[in-house]
């Protein structure tokens, strides 16, 4: 259990770093982060701060979906949401603020690396099955209720996020945060999480036998 807790603690900042790298790439972020960025611009607050709020809504969504099957331990996701939002603010506004991305090819590299890091971190947290990230927990709850693959449910959520962004842009003059990177992230993130989860679950089962 101690090893699992250590892995969980290490995964959280990696997830924040991955999200920050995608934001820094500047060619479009994942649909969920794109929605956060668009809404944050409209509300005049920091991305990570708004992320804390939306992540909290994800926890409420899990409670409504799972009802009695929702484990009280998962209420710690509220703390995870706060910590993740704070770390995104730290990486994006402090650590990476002076980092220039002068070439489009470098932006693509940042996008791919960010998605890879983010997917691996989320997959590890889901595989550990201690406390999940709020967004991942909501998608997992939907996949359990509908008996569908996690990756497909994640892509469905991304599609809903894209629709909401379009409403904010054309209905409320929000910033257009949808770009080619958003589509790339939508196509690769869910399947990557599925793949990483398969690998981590094998590793964790082997570790449990030692």
N, C-alpha and C. Protein backbone atom coordinates (compact mmCIF):
# COMPACT_ATOMS: atom_id res chain seq x y z
N UNK A 1 0.83 -1.21 0.00
CA UNK A 1 0.00 0.00 0.00
C UNK A 1 0.87 1.26 0.00
N UNK A 2 1.99 1.22 0.74
CA UNK A 2 2.87 2.39 0.80
C UNK A 2 3.40 2.73 -0.59
N UNK A 3 3.78 1.70 -1.35
CA UNK A 3 4.27 1.94 -2.70
C UNK A 3 3.19 2.56 -3.58
N UNK A 4 1.96 2.12 -3.40
CA UNK A 4 0.85 2.67 -4.19
C UNK A 4 0.61 4.13 -3.86
N UNK A 5 0.71 4.47 -2.58
CA UNK A 5 0.51 5.86 -2.16
C UNK A 5 1.61 6.74 -2.73
N UNK A 6 2.85 6.24 -2.72
CA UNK A 6 3.97 7.00 -3.28
C UNK A 6 3.75 7.24 -4.77
N UNK A 7 3.30 6.21 -5.47
CA UNK A 7 3.02 6.34 -6.91
C UNK A 7 1.93 7.38 -7.15
N UNK A 8 0.92 7.38 -6.30
CA UNK A 8 -0.18 8.35 -6.43
C UNK A 8 0.34 9.77 -6.24
N UNK A 9 1.16 9.97 -5.22
CA UNK A 9 1.71 11.30 -4.94
C UNK A 9 2.57 11.79 -6.10
N UNK A 10 3.35 10.88 -6.71
CA UNK A 10 4.21 11.26 -7.83
C UNK A 10 3.41 11.54 -9.10
N UNK A 11 2.29 10.85 -9.26
CA UNK A 11 1.51 10.99 -10.49
C UNK A 11 0.83 12.35 -10.60
N UNK A 12 0.44 12.93 -9.48
CA UNK A 12 -0.32 14.19 -9.51
C UNK A 12 0.47 15.33 -10.17
N UNK A 13 1.71 15.63 -9.73
CA UNK A 13 2.45 16.70 -10.41
C UNK A 13 2.77 16.39 -11.86
N UNK A 14 2.94 15.11 -12.20
CA UNK A 14 3.18 14.76 -13.61
C UNK A 14 1.96 15.08 -14.46
N UNK A 15 0.78 14.83 -13.92
CA UNK A 15 -0.45 15.17 -14.66
C UNK A 15 -0.54 16.67 -14.87
N UNK A 16 -0.21 17.44 -13.85
CA UNK A 16 -0.24 18.90 -13.97
C UNK A 16 0.80 19.39 -14.97
N UNK A 17 1.98 18.78 -14.95
CA UNK A 17 3.03 19.14 -15.90
C UNK A 17 2.59 18.84 -17.33
N UNK A 18 1.98 17.67 -17.53
CA UNK A 18 1.51 17.31 -18.86
C UNK A 18 0.50 18.30 -19.39
N UNK A 19 -0.46 18.69 -18.55
CA UNK A 19 -1.47 19.67 -18.96
C UNK A 19 -0.83 21.01 -19.27
N UNK A 20 0.16 21.40 -18.47
CA UNK A 20 0.83 22.69 -18.68
C UNK A 20 1.64 22.69 -19.98
N UNK A 21 2.27 21.58 -20.31
CA UNK A 21 3.02 21.49 -21.56
C UNK A 21 2.09 21.61 -22.77
N UNK A 22 0.92 21.00 -22.66
CA UNK A 22 -0.06 21.10 -23.75
C UNK A 22 -0.52 22.54 -23.91
N UNK A 23 -0.78 23.22 -22.79
CA UNK A 23 -1.16 24.62 -22.84
C UNK A 23 -0.05 25.47 -23.45
N UNK A 24 1.19 25.17 -23.06
CA UNK A 24 2.34 25.93 -23.55
C UNK A 24 2.57 25.72 -25.03
N UNK A 25 2.20 24.56 -25.56
CA UNK A 25 2.39 24.29 -26.99
C UNK A 25 1.66 25.33 -27.84
N UNK A 26 0.52 25.78 -27.36
CA UNK A 26 -0.18 26.87 -28.03
C UNK A 26 -0.84 26.53 -29.34
N UNK A 27 -1.05 25.25 -29.61
CA UNK A 27 -1.72 24.88 -30.87
C UNK A 27 -3.01 24.11 -30.57
N UNK A 28 -3.57 24.40 -29.42
CA UNK A 28 -4.79 23.72 -29.04
C UNK A 28 -4.52 22.69 -27.96
N UNK A 29 -5.36 22.68 -26.97
CA UNK A 29 -5.20 21.75 -25.85
C UNK A 29 -6.28 20.69 -25.90
N UNK A 30 -6.23 19.75 -24.97
CA UNK A 30 -7.28 18.75 -24.89
C UNK A 30 -8.63 19.43 -24.69
N UNK A 31 -9.69 18.76 -25.10
CA UNK A 31 -11.01 19.39 -25.08
C UNK A 31 -11.40 19.87 -23.68
N UNK A 32 -11.09 19.09 -22.66
CA UNK A 32 -11.42 19.50 -21.29
C UNK A 32 -10.66 20.76 -20.90
N UNK A 33 -9.35 20.77 -21.18
CA UNK A 33 -8.54 21.94 -20.86
C UNK A 33 -8.91 23.13 -21.74
N UNK A 34 -9.30 22.87 -22.99
CA UNK A 34 -9.73 23.95 -23.88
C UNK A 34 -10.98 24.62 -23.33
N UNK A 35 -11.89 23.82 -22.79
CA UNK A 35 -13.10 24.37 -22.18
C UNK A 35 -12.74 25.21 -20.95
N UNK A 36 -11.80 24.71 -20.14
CA UNK A 36 -11.37 25.45 -18.96
C UNK A 36 -10.72 26.78 -19.36
N UNK A 37 -9.90 26.74 -20.41
CA UNK A 37 -9.22 27.95 -20.86
C UNK A 37 -10.21 28.97 -21.39
N UNK A 38 -11.18 28.52 -22.18
CA UNK A 38 -12.20 29.41 -22.75
C UNK A 38 -13.06 30.02 -21.64
N UNK A 39 -13.51 29.17 -20.72
CA UNK A 39 -14.37 29.65 -19.63
C UNK A 39 -13.61 30.57 -18.68
N UNK A 40 -12.32 30.26 -18.44
CA UNK A 40 -11.50 31.09 -17.56
C UNK A 40 -11.34 32.49 -18.15
N UNK A 41 -11.16 32.55 -19.47
CA UNK A 41 -11.02 33.85 -20.14
C UNK A 41 -12.30 34.67 -20.01
N UNK A 42 -13.43 34.02 -20.15
CA UNK A 42 -14.72 34.71 -20.03
C UNK A 42 -14.98 35.18 -18.60
N UNK A 43 -14.56 34.36 -17.63
CA UNK A 43 -14.81 34.68 -16.22
C UNK A 43 -13.73 35.57 -15.61
N UNK A 44 -12.59 35.68 -16.29
CA UNK A 44 -11.50 36.50 -15.78
C UNK A 44 -10.75 35.89 -14.61
N UNK A 45 -10.65 34.56 -14.58
CA UNK A 45 -9.91 33.89 -13.52
C UNK A 45 -8.86 32.97 -14.13
N UNK A 46 -7.94 32.49 -13.30
CA UNK A 46 -6.87 31.63 -13.78
C UNK A 46 -7.42 30.26 -14.17
N UNK A 47 -6.71 29.63 -15.12
CA UNK A 47 -7.15 28.34 -15.64
C UNK A 47 -7.23 27.29 -14.53
N UNK A 48 -6.17 27.23 -13.73
CA UNK A 48 -6.15 26.23 -12.66
C UNK A 48 -7.25 26.44 -11.64
N UNK A 49 -7.56 27.72 -11.37
CA UNK A 49 -8.62 28.03 -10.41
C UNK A 49 -9.97 27.54 -10.91
N UNK A 50 -10.26 27.81 -12.19
CA UNK A 50 -11.51 27.33 -12.76
C UNK A 50 -11.53 25.81 -12.81
N UNK A 51 -10.33 25.22 -13.04
CA UNK A 51 -10.23 23.77 -13.05
C UNK A 51 -10.64 23.15 -11.72
N UNK A 52 -10.30 23.83 -10.62
CA UNK A 52 -10.72 23.34 -9.31
C UNK A 52 -12.24 23.26 -9.23
N UNK A 53 -12.90 24.28 -9.78
CA UNK A 53 -14.36 24.34 -9.73
C UNK A 53 -15.00 23.24 -10.59
N UNK A 54 -14.52 23.09 -11.82
CA UNK A 54 -15.11 22.09 -12.72
C UNK A 54 -14.80 20.67 -12.25
N UNK A 55 -13.61 20.48 -11.68
CA UNK A 55 -13.28 19.16 -11.15
C UNK A 55 -14.19 18.80 -9.98
N UNK A 56 -14.55 19.79 -9.18
CA UNK A 56 -15.47 19.54 -8.08
C UNK A 56 -16.84 19.11 -8.60
N UNK A 57 -17.27 19.70 -9.72
CA UNK A 57 -18.53 19.30 -10.34
C UNK A 57 -18.47 17.85 -10.83
N UNK A 58 -17.27 17.42 -11.25
CA UNK A 58 -17.10 16.04 -11.69
C UNK A 58 -17.32 15.06 -10.55
N UNK A 59 -16.87 15.44 -9.35
CA UNK A 59 -17.07 14.58 -8.18
C UNK A 59 -18.57 14.46 -7.88
N UNK A 60 -19.26 15.58 -7.95
CA UNK A 60 -20.71 15.56 -7.72
C UNK A 60 -21.39 14.67 -8.76
N UNK A 61 -20.91 14.73 -10.00
CA UNK A 61 -21.46 13.89 -11.06
C UNK A 61 -21.29 12.41 -10.77
N UNK A 62 -20.13 12.05 -10.20
CA UNK A 62 -19.89 10.65 -9.84
C UNK A 62 -20.86 10.18 -8.76
N UNK A 63 -21.10 11.05 -7.78
CA UNK A 63 -22.02 10.70 -6.70
C UNK A 63 -23.42 10.44 -7.25
N UNK A 64 -23.84 11.27 -8.19
CA UNK A 64 -25.17 11.12 -8.79
C UNK A 64 -25.26 9.84 -9.62
N UNK A 65 -24.16 9.50 -10.32
CA UNK A 65 -24.17 8.32 -11.19
C UNK A 65 -24.05 7.02 -10.40
N UNK A 66 -23.11 6.98 -9.46
CA UNK A 66 -22.81 5.74 -8.74
C UNK A 66 -23.70 5.52 -7.52
N UNK A 67 -24.20 6.61 -6.96
CA UNK A 67 -25.08 6.55 -5.78
C UNK A 67 -24.41 5.77 -4.64
N UNK A 68 -24.97 4.66 -4.20
CA UNK A 68 -24.42 3.91 -3.07
C UNK A 68 -23.08 3.26 -3.40
N UNK A 69 -22.80 3.08 -4.68
CA UNK A 69 -21.53 2.46 -5.09
C UNK A 69 -20.37 3.44 -4.98
N UNK A 70 -20.67 4.72 -4.79
CA UNK A 70 -19.61 5.73 -4.64
C UNK A 70 -18.94 5.55 -3.28
N UNK A 71 -17.62 5.35 -3.30
CA UNK A 71 -16.88 5.11 -2.06
C UNK A 71 -16.57 6.44 -1.37
N UNK A 72 -16.83 6.54 -0.07
CA UNK A 72 -16.57 7.78 0.67
C UNK A 72 -15.12 8.27 0.51
N UNK A 73 -14.18 7.33 0.34
CA UNK A 73 -12.78 7.71 0.17
C UNK A 73 -12.60 8.62 -1.05
N UNK A 74 -13.45 8.45 -2.06
CA UNK A 74 -13.33 9.24 -3.27
C UNK A 74 -13.67 10.71 -3.06
N UNK A 75 -14.20 11.06 -1.90
CA UNK A 75 -14.43 12.47 -1.58
C UNK A 75 -13.11 13.23 -1.50
N UNK A 76 -12.01 12.48 -1.34
CA UNK A 76 -10.69 13.11 -1.35
C UNK A 76 -10.37 13.71 -2.72
N UNK A 77 -11.19 13.39 -3.71
CA UNK A 77 -11.00 13.99 -5.03
C UNK A 77 -11.13 15.51 -4.98
N UNK A 78 -11.90 16.03 -4.02
CA UNK A 78 -12.00 17.48 -3.86
C UNK A 78 -10.61 18.06 -3.57
N UNK A 79 -9.86 17.35 -2.72
CA UNK A 79 -8.49 17.77 -2.43
C UNK A 79 -7.59 17.60 -3.63
N UNK A 80 -7.80 16.52 -4.38
CA UNK A 80 -7.04 16.28 -5.61
C UNK A 80 -7.28 17.40 -6.61
N UNK A 81 -8.54 17.84 -6.71
CA UNK A 81 -8.89 18.92 -7.64
C UNK A 81 -8.17 20.21 -7.27
N UNK A 82 -8.14 20.51 -5.98
CA UNK A 82 -7.46 21.72 -5.51
C UNK A 82 -5.96 21.64 -5.77
N UNK A 83 -5.37 20.49 -5.45
CA UNK A 83 -3.94 20.31 -5.64
C UNK A 83 -3.56 20.35 -7.11
N UNK A 84 -4.34 19.68 -7.96
CA UNK A 84 -4.07 19.68 -9.39
C UNK A 84 -4.16 21.09 -9.96
N UNK A 85 -5.19 21.84 -9.58
CA UNK A 85 -5.34 23.20 -10.06
C UNK A 85 -4.19 24.09 -9.63
N UNK A 86 -3.76 23.94 -8.39
CA UNK A 86 -2.64 24.73 -7.87
C UNK A 86 -1.35 24.41 -8.62
N UNK A 87 -1.13 23.13 -8.91
CA UNK A 87 0.08 22.72 -9.62
C UNK A 87 0.06 23.18 -11.07
N UNK A 88 -1.11 23.16 -11.72
CA UNK A 88 -1.21 23.68 -13.08
C UNK A 88 -0.86 25.16 -13.09
N UNK A 89 -1.39 25.92 -12.13
CA UNK A 89 -1.04 27.34 -12.01
C UNK A 89 0.46 27.52 -11.83
N UNK A 90 1.06 26.68 -10.99
CA UNK A 90 2.49 26.78 -10.71
C UNK A 90 3.33 26.50 -11.95
N UNK A 91 3.05 25.38 -12.62
CA UNK A 91 3.84 25.01 -13.80
C UNK A 91 3.62 25.99 -14.95
N UNK A 92 2.36 26.35 -15.22
CA UNK A 92 2.05 27.16 -16.40
C UNK A 92 2.44 28.63 -16.22
N UNK A 93 2.13 29.20 -15.04
CA UNK A 93 2.35 30.62 -14.84
C UNK A 93 3.72 30.95 -14.25
N UNK A 94 4.39 29.98 -13.63
CA UNK A 94 5.69 30.24 -13.00
C UNK A 94 6.84 29.51 -13.69
N UNK A 95 6.78 28.18 -13.69
CA UNK A 95 7.90 27.40 -14.22
C UNK A 95 8.08 27.59 -15.72
N UNK A 96 6.98 27.55 -16.48
CA UNK A 96 7.06 27.60 -17.94
C UNK A 96 6.79 28.98 -18.53
N UNK A 97 6.60 29.98 -17.69
CA UNK A 97 6.19 31.30 -18.18
C UNK A 97 7.23 31.94 -19.10
N UNK A 98 8.50 31.70 -18.85
CA UNK A 98 9.56 32.31 -19.66
C UNK A 98 10.04 31.41 -20.79
N UNK A 99 9.45 30.24 -20.90
CA UNK A 99 9.87 29.30 -21.94
C UNK A 99 9.21 29.65 -23.27
N UNK A 100 10.02 29.96 -24.27
CA UNK A 100 9.50 30.32 -25.59
C UNK A 100 9.37 29.07 -26.46
N UNK A 101 8.34 29.07 -27.29
CA UNK A 101 8.13 27.98 -28.25
C UNK A 101 8.11 28.61 -29.64
N UNK A 102 9.29 28.86 -30.21
CA UNK A 102 9.38 29.64 -31.45
C UNK A 102 8.97 28.91 -32.72
N UNK A 103 9.05 27.60 -32.72
CA UNK A 103 8.79 26.84 -33.96
C UNK A 103 7.55 25.96 -33.81
N UNK A 104 6.81 25.83 -34.91
CA UNK A 104 5.60 25.01 -34.91
C UNK A 104 5.94 23.55 -34.62
N UNK A 105 7.07 23.10 -35.14
CA UNK A 105 7.48 21.71 -34.90
C UNK A 105 7.71 21.45 -33.42
N UNK A 106 8.24 22.46 -32.71
CA UNK A 106 8.46 22.32 -31.27
C UNK A 106 7.12 22.30 -30.53
N UNK A 107 6.16 23.05 -31.03
CA UNK A 107 4.82 23.04 -30.44
C UNK A 107 4.20 21.65 -30.53
N UNK A 108 4.41 21.00 -31.67
CA UNK A 108 3.89 19.64 -31.85
C UNK A 108 4.55 18.68 -30.86
N UNK A 109 5.86 18.85 -30.67
CA UNK A 109 6.59 18.00 -29.72
C UNK A 109 6.04 18.20 -28.30
N UNK A 110 5.83 19.46 -27.92
CA UNK A 110 5.26 19.76 -26.60
C UNK A 110 3.88 19.12 -26.45
N UNK A 111 3.08 19.21 -27.51
CA UNK A 111 1.73 18.65 -27.48
C UNK A 111 1.76 17.14 -27.27
N UNK A 112 2.59 16.45 -28.04
CA UNK A 112 2.66 15.00 -27.95
C UNK A 112 3.22 14.54 -26.61
N UNK A 113 4.29 15.19 -26.15
CA UNK A 113 4.88 14.83 -24.86
C UNK A 113 3.90 15.10 -23.73
N UNK A 114 3.24 16.26 -23.79
CA UNK A 114 2.26 16.61 -22.76
C UNK A 114 1.14 15.60 -22.68
N UNK A 115 0.62 15.18 -23.83
CA UNK A 115 -0.45 14.18 -23.85
C UNK A 115 0.03 12.84 -23.32
N UNK A 116 1.26 12.47 -23.68
CA UNK A 116 1.82 11.21 -23.20
C UNK A 116 1.98 11.20 -21.68
N UNK A 117 2.55 12.29 -21.14
CA UNK A 117 2.73 12.39 -19.69
C UNK A 117 1.39 12.39 -18.97
N UNK A 118 0.47 13.17 -19.50
CA UNK A 118 -0.86 13.28 -18.89
C UNK A 118 -1.59 11.95 -18.89
N UNK A 119 -1.57 11.26 -20.02
CA UNK A 119 -2.26 9.97 -20.14
C UNK A 119 -1.65 8.94 -19.19
N UNK A 120 -0.32 8.92 -19.11
CA UNK A 120 0.35 7.97 -18.22
C UNK A 120 0.00 8.24 -16.76
N UNK A 121 -0.01 9.51 -16.38
CA UNK A 121 -0.33 9.87 -14.99
C UNK A 121 -1.77 9.50 -14.64
N UNK A 122 -2.69 9.83 -15.52
CA UNK A 122 -4.11 9.51 -15.28
C UNK A 122 -4.31 7.99 -15.22
N UNK A 123 -3.67 7.27 -16.14
CA UNK A 123 -3.80 5.81 -16.17
C UNK A 123 -3.25 5.18 -14.89
N UNK A 124 -2.14 5.70 -14.40
CA UNK A 124 -1.56 5.17 -13.16
C UNK A 124 -2.50 5.39 -11.98
N UNK A 125 -3.07 6.58 -11.90
CA UNK A 125 -3.98 6.89 -10.80
C UNK A 125 -5.22 6.01 -10.85
N UNK A 126 -5.76 5.81 -12.05
CA UNK A 126 -6.93 4.94 -12.20
C UNK A 126 -6.59 3.49 -11.85
N UNK A 127 -5.40 3.05 -12.23
CA UNK A 127 -4.98 1.67 -11.97
C UNK A 127 -4.74 1.42 -10.48
N UNK A 128 -4.23 2.43 -9.78
CA UNK A 128 -3.99 2.29 -8.35
C UNK A 128 -5.29 2.12 -7.57
N UNK A 129 -6.36 2.74 -8.09
CA UNK A 129 -7.70 2.59 -7.51
C UNK A 129 -7.74 3.00 -6.03
N UNK A 130 -7.04 4.07 -5.72
CA UNK A 130 -7.10 4.63 -4.36
C UNK A 130 -8.02 5.85 -4.38
N UNK A 131 -7.53 6.92 -4.99
CA UNK A 131 -8.33 8.12 -5.24
C UNK A 131 -8.02 8.55 -6.67
N UNK A 132 -9.03 8.78 -7.46
CA UNK A 132 -8.82 9.16 -8.85
C UNK A 132 -8.89 10.67 -9.02
N UNK A 133 -8.45 11.13 -10.19
CA UNK A 133 -8.69 12.51 -10.57
C UNK A 133 -10.18 12.67 -10.83
N UNK A 134 -10.74 13.82 -10.53
CA UNK A 134 -12.18 14.01 -10.72
C UNK A 134 -12.68 13.73 -12.14
N UNK A 135 -11.97 14.24 -13.14
CA UNK A 135 -12.41 14.02 -14.53
C UNK A 135 -12.33 12.54 -14.87
N UNK A 136 -11.19 11.93 -14.54
CA UNK A 136 -11.03 10.51 -14.80
C UNK A 136 -12.04 9.68 -14.04
N UNK A 137 -12.34 10.10 -12.81
CA UNK A 137 -13.33 9.39 -12.01
C UNK A 137 -14.73 9.47 -12.62
N UNK A 138 -15.06 10.64 -13.17
CA UNK A 138 -16.37 10.80 -13.81
C UNK A 138 -16.48 9.92 -15.04
N UNK A 139 -15.42 9.92 -15.86
CA UNK A 139 -15.42 9.08 -17.06
C UNK A 139 -15.49 7.61 -16.68
N UNK A 140 -14.76 7.23 -15.63
CA UNK A 140 -14.78 5.85 -15.16
C UNK A 140 -16.18 5.46 -14.67
N UNK A 141 -16.84 6.38 -13.99
CA UNK A 141 -18.20 6.12 -13.52
C UNK A 141 -19.16 5.92 -14.69
N UNK A 142 -19.01 6.75 -15.71
CA UNK A 142 -19.85 6.61 -16.91
C UNK A 142 -19.59 5.27 -17.59
N UNK A 143 -18.30 4.89 -17.66
CA UNK A 143 -17.95 3.62 -18.32
C UNK A 143 -18.51 2.43 -17.55
N UNK A 144 -18.54 2.53 -16.22
CA UNK A 144 -19.09 1.45 -15.40
C UNK A 144 -20.61 1.36 -15.54
N UNK A 145 -21.27 2.50 -15.56
CA UNK A 145 -22.73 2.52 -15.66
C UNK A 145 -23.20 2.06 -17.04
N UNK A 146 -22.45 2.46 -18.07
CA UNK A 146 -22.84 2.11 -19.45
C UNK A 146 -22.16 0.86 -19.96
N UNK A 147 -21.22 0.30 -19.16
CA UNK A 147 -20.47 -0.89 -19.56
C UNK A 147 -19.72 -0.65 -20.88
N UNK A 148 -19.08 0.51 -20.96
CA UNK A 148 -18.32 0.89 -22.16
C UNK A 148 -16.85 1.06 -21.80
N UNK A 149 -15.98 1.02 -22.82
CA UNK A 149 -14.55 1.21 -22.60
C UNK A 149 -14.27 2.63 -22.15
N UNK A 150 -13.26 2.77 -21.29
CA UNK A 150 -12.91 4.09 -20.76
C UNK A 150 -12.56 5.06 -21.89
N UNK A 151 -11.76 4.59 -22.84
CA UNK A 151 -11.31 5.46 -23.93
C UNK A 151 -12.47 6.03 -24.73
N UNK A 152 -13.47 5.21 -25.01
CA UNK A 152 -14.63 5.67 -25.78
C UNK A 152 -15.43 6.70 -24.99
N UNK A 153 -15.58 6.46 -23.69
CA UNK A 153 -16.31 7.41 -22.85
C UNK A 153 -15.57 8.74 -22.76
N UNK A 154 -14.23 8.66 -22.71
CA UNK A 154 -13.44 9.89 -22.65
C UNK A 154 -13.61 10.69 -23.94
N UNK A 155 -13.60 10.01 -25.06
CA UNK A 155 -13.79 10.70 -26.33
C UNK A 155 -15.18 11.31 -26.41
N UNK A 156 -16.17 10.65 -25.82
CA UNK A 156 -17.52 11.21 -25.77
C UNK A 156 -17.57 12.49 -24.96
N UNK A 157 -16.87 12.50 -23.80
CA UNK A 157 -16.79 13.70 -22.98
C UNK A 157 -16.11 14.82 -23.73
N UNK A 158 -15.03 14.49 -24.45
CA UNK A 158 -14.32 15.50 -25.23
C UNK A 158 -15.24 16.12 -26.28
N UNK A 159 -16.07 15.29 -26.89
CA UNK A 159 -17.01 15.81 -27.89
C UNK A 159 -18.00 16.79 -27.28
N UNK A 160 -18.48 16.49 -26.07
CA UNK A 160 -19.39 17.40 -25.36
C UNK A 160 -18.69 18.71 -25.03
N UNK A 161 -17.43 18.62 -24.60
CA UNK A 161 -16.65 19.82 -24.28
C UNK A 161 -16.49 20.72 -25.51
N UNK A 162 -16.21 20.11 -26.65
CA UNK A 162 -16.06 20.87 -27.89
C UNK A 162 -17.36 21.59 -28.23
N UNK A 163 -18.48 20.94 -28.04
CA UNK A 163 -19.78 21.56 -28.32
C UNK A 163 -20.02 22.76 -27.41
N UNK A 164 -19.69 22.62 -26.12
CA UNK A 164 -19.86 23.73 -25.17
C UNK A 164 -18.95 24.90 -25.54
N UNK A 165 -17.72 24.60 -25.95
CA UNK A 165 -16.80 25.66 -26.36
C UNK A 165 -17.37 26.45 -27.53
N UNK A 166 -17.91 25.76 -28.51
CA UNK A 166 -18.49 26.43 -29.67
C UNK A 166 -19.65 27.34 -29.24
N UNK A 167 -20.44 26.89 -28.27
CA UNK A 167 -21.53 27.72 -27.76
C UNK A 167 -20.98 28.98 -27.08
N UNK A 168 -19.91 28.81 -26.28
CA UNK A 168 -19.30 29.96 -25.59
C UNK A 168 -18.67 30.94 -26.58
N UNK A 169 -18.07 30.40 -27.64
CA UNK A 169 -17.40 31.25 -28.63
C UNK A 169 -18.41 32.05 -29.44
N UNK A 170 -19.38 31.36 -30.00
CA UNK A 170 -20.33 32.03 -30.90
C UNK A 170 -21.50 32.68 -30.17
N UNK A 171 -21.78 32.23 -28.96
CA UNK A 171 -22.89 32.81 -28.21
C UNK A 171 -22.47 33.89 -27.24
N UNK A 172 -21.22 33.79 -26.71
CA UNK A 172 -20.78 34.73 -25.69
C UNK A 172 -19.43 35.37 -26.02
N UNK A 173 -18.97 35.21 -27.26
CA UNK A 173 -17.72 35.82 -27.73
C UNK A 173 -16.51 35.38 -26.91
N UNK A 174 -16.49 34.12 -26.53
CA UNK A 174 -15.34 33.59 -25.82
C UNK A 174 -14.17 33.36 -26.76
N UNK A 175 -13.00 33.11 -26.16
CA UNK A 175 -11.80 32.85 -26.95
C UNK A 175 -11.91 31.50 -27.65
N UNK A 176 -11.57 31.47 -28.93
CA UNK A 176 -11.57 30.20 -29.66
C UNK A 176 -10.34 29.39 -29.25
N UNK A 177 -10.55 28.41 -28.41
CA UNK A 177 -9.45 27.59 -27.90
C UNK A 177 -9.35 26.25 -28.63
N UNK A 178 -10.21 26.04 -29.62
CA UNK A 178 -10.16 24.81 -30.41
C UNK A 178 -9.19 24.98 -31.56
N UNK A 179 -8.22 24.08 -31.62
CA UNK A 179 -7.27 24.09 -32.73
C UNK A 179 -6.92 22.64 -33.08
N UNK A 180 -5.93 22.51 -33.93
CA UNK A 180 -5.55 21.16 -34.36
C UNK A 180 -5.10 20.29 -33.19
N UNK A 181 -4.49 20.93 -32.19
CA UNK A 181 -4.04 20.18 -31.02
C UNK A 181 -5.19 19.57 -30.24
N UNK A 182 -6.34 20.23 -30.27
CA UNK A 182 -7.52 19.70 -29.58
C UNK A 182 -7.98 18.39 -30.21
N UNK A 183 -7.98 18.37 -31.54
CA UNK A 183 -8.38 17.16 -32.25
C UNK A 183 -7.38 16.04 -32.01
N UNK A 184 -6.08 16.39 -32.06
CA UNK A 184 -5.04 15.39 -31.81
C UNK A 184 -5.20 14.80 -30.41
N UNK A 185 -5.41 15.67 -29.43
CA UNK A 185 -5.57 15.22 -28.04
C UNK A 185 -6.80 14.34 -27.89
N UNK A 186 -7.89 14.73 -28.55
CA UNK A 186 -9.12 13.96 -28.46
C UNK A 186 -8.93 12.55 -29.01
N UNK A 187 -8.16 12.44 -30.08
CA UNK A 187 -7.97 11.14 -30.73
C UNK A 187 -6.98 10.25 -29.98
N UNK A 188 -5.97 10.86 -29.32
CA UNK A 188 -4.91 10.05 -28.74
C UNK A 188 -5.04 9.84 -27.23
N UNK A 189 -5.66 10.78 -26.50
CA UNK A 189 -5.63 10.70 -25.04
C UNK A 189 -6.36 9.47 -24.49
N UNK A 190 -7.62 9.28 -24.89
CA UNK A 190 -8.40 8.15 -24.39
C UNK A 190 -7.75 6.80 -24.68
N UNK A 191 -7.40 6.54 -25.94
CA UNK A 191 -6.72 5.28 -26.27
C UNK A 191 -5.40 5.10 -25.52
N UNK A 192 -4.65 6.20 -25.32
CA UNK A 192 -3.40 6.11 -24.58
C UNK A 192 -3.65 5.70 -23.13
N UNK A 193 -4.69 6.28 -22.53
CA UNK A 193 -5.03 5.91 -21.15
C UNK A 193 -5.37 4.43 -21.06
N UNK A 194 -6.16 3.94 -22.01
CA UNK A 194 -6.49 2.50 -22.04
C UNK A 194 -5.23 1.65 -22.11
N UNK A 195 -4.31 2.05 -22.98
CA UNK A 195 -3.07 1.29 -23.17
C UNK A 195 -2.20 1.32 -21.92
N UNK A 196 -2.01 2.50 -21.34
CA UNK A 196 -1.20 2.63 -20.14
C UNK A 196 -1.84 1.88 -18.97
N UNK A 197 -3.16 1.92 -18.87
CA UNK A 197 -3.83 1.20 -17.78
C UNK A 197 -3.57 -0.30 -17.87
N UNK A 198 -3.60 -0.84 -19.08
CA UNK A 198 -3.32 -2.27 -19.26
C UNK A 198 -1.91 -2.61 -18.77
N UNK A 199 -0.95 -1.75 -19.10
CA UNK A 199 0.44 -1.98 -18.69
C UNK A 199 0.60 -1.84 -17.18
N UNK A 200 0.02 -0.79 -16.61
CA UNK A 200 0.16 -0.55 -15.17
C UNK A 200 -0.52 -1.64 -14.36
N UNK A 201 -1.67 -2.12 -14.81
CA UNK A 201 -2.38 -3.16 -14.08
C UNK A 201 -1.59 -4.46 -14.04
N UNK A 202 -0.90 -4.76 -15.14
CA UNK A 202 -0.03 -5.94 -15.16
C UNK A 202 1.12 -5.77 -14.17
N UNK A 203 1.72 -4.59 -14.18
CA UNK A 203 2.84 -4.31 -13.27
C UNK A 203 2.39 -4.37 -11.81
N UNK A 204 1.24 -3.78 -11.51
CA UNK A 204 0.75 -3.74 -10.14
C UNK A 204 0.40 -5.14 -9.63
N UNK A 205 -0.14 -5.98 -10.51
CA UNK A 205 -0.46 -7.36 -10.13
C UNK A 205 0.81 -8.15 -9.83
N UNK A 206 1.84 -7.93 -10.65
CA UNK A 206 3.12 -8.60 -10.41
C UNK A 206 3.72 -8.13 -9.10
N UNK A 207 3.62 -6.81 -8.85
CA UNK A 207 4.17 -6.25 -7.62
C UNK A 207 3.46 -6.77 -6.38
N UNK A 208 2.17 -7.04 -6.51
CA UNK A 208 1.39 -7.53 -5.37
C UNK A 208 1.80 -8.94 -4.97
N UNK A 209 2.39 -9.68 -5.91
CA UNK A 209 2.79 -11.06 -5.61
C UNK A 209 4.17 -11.13 -4.95
N UNK A 210 4.90 -10.00 -5.05
CA UNK A 210 6.26 -10.00 -4.49
C UNK A 210 6.22 -9.91 -2.95
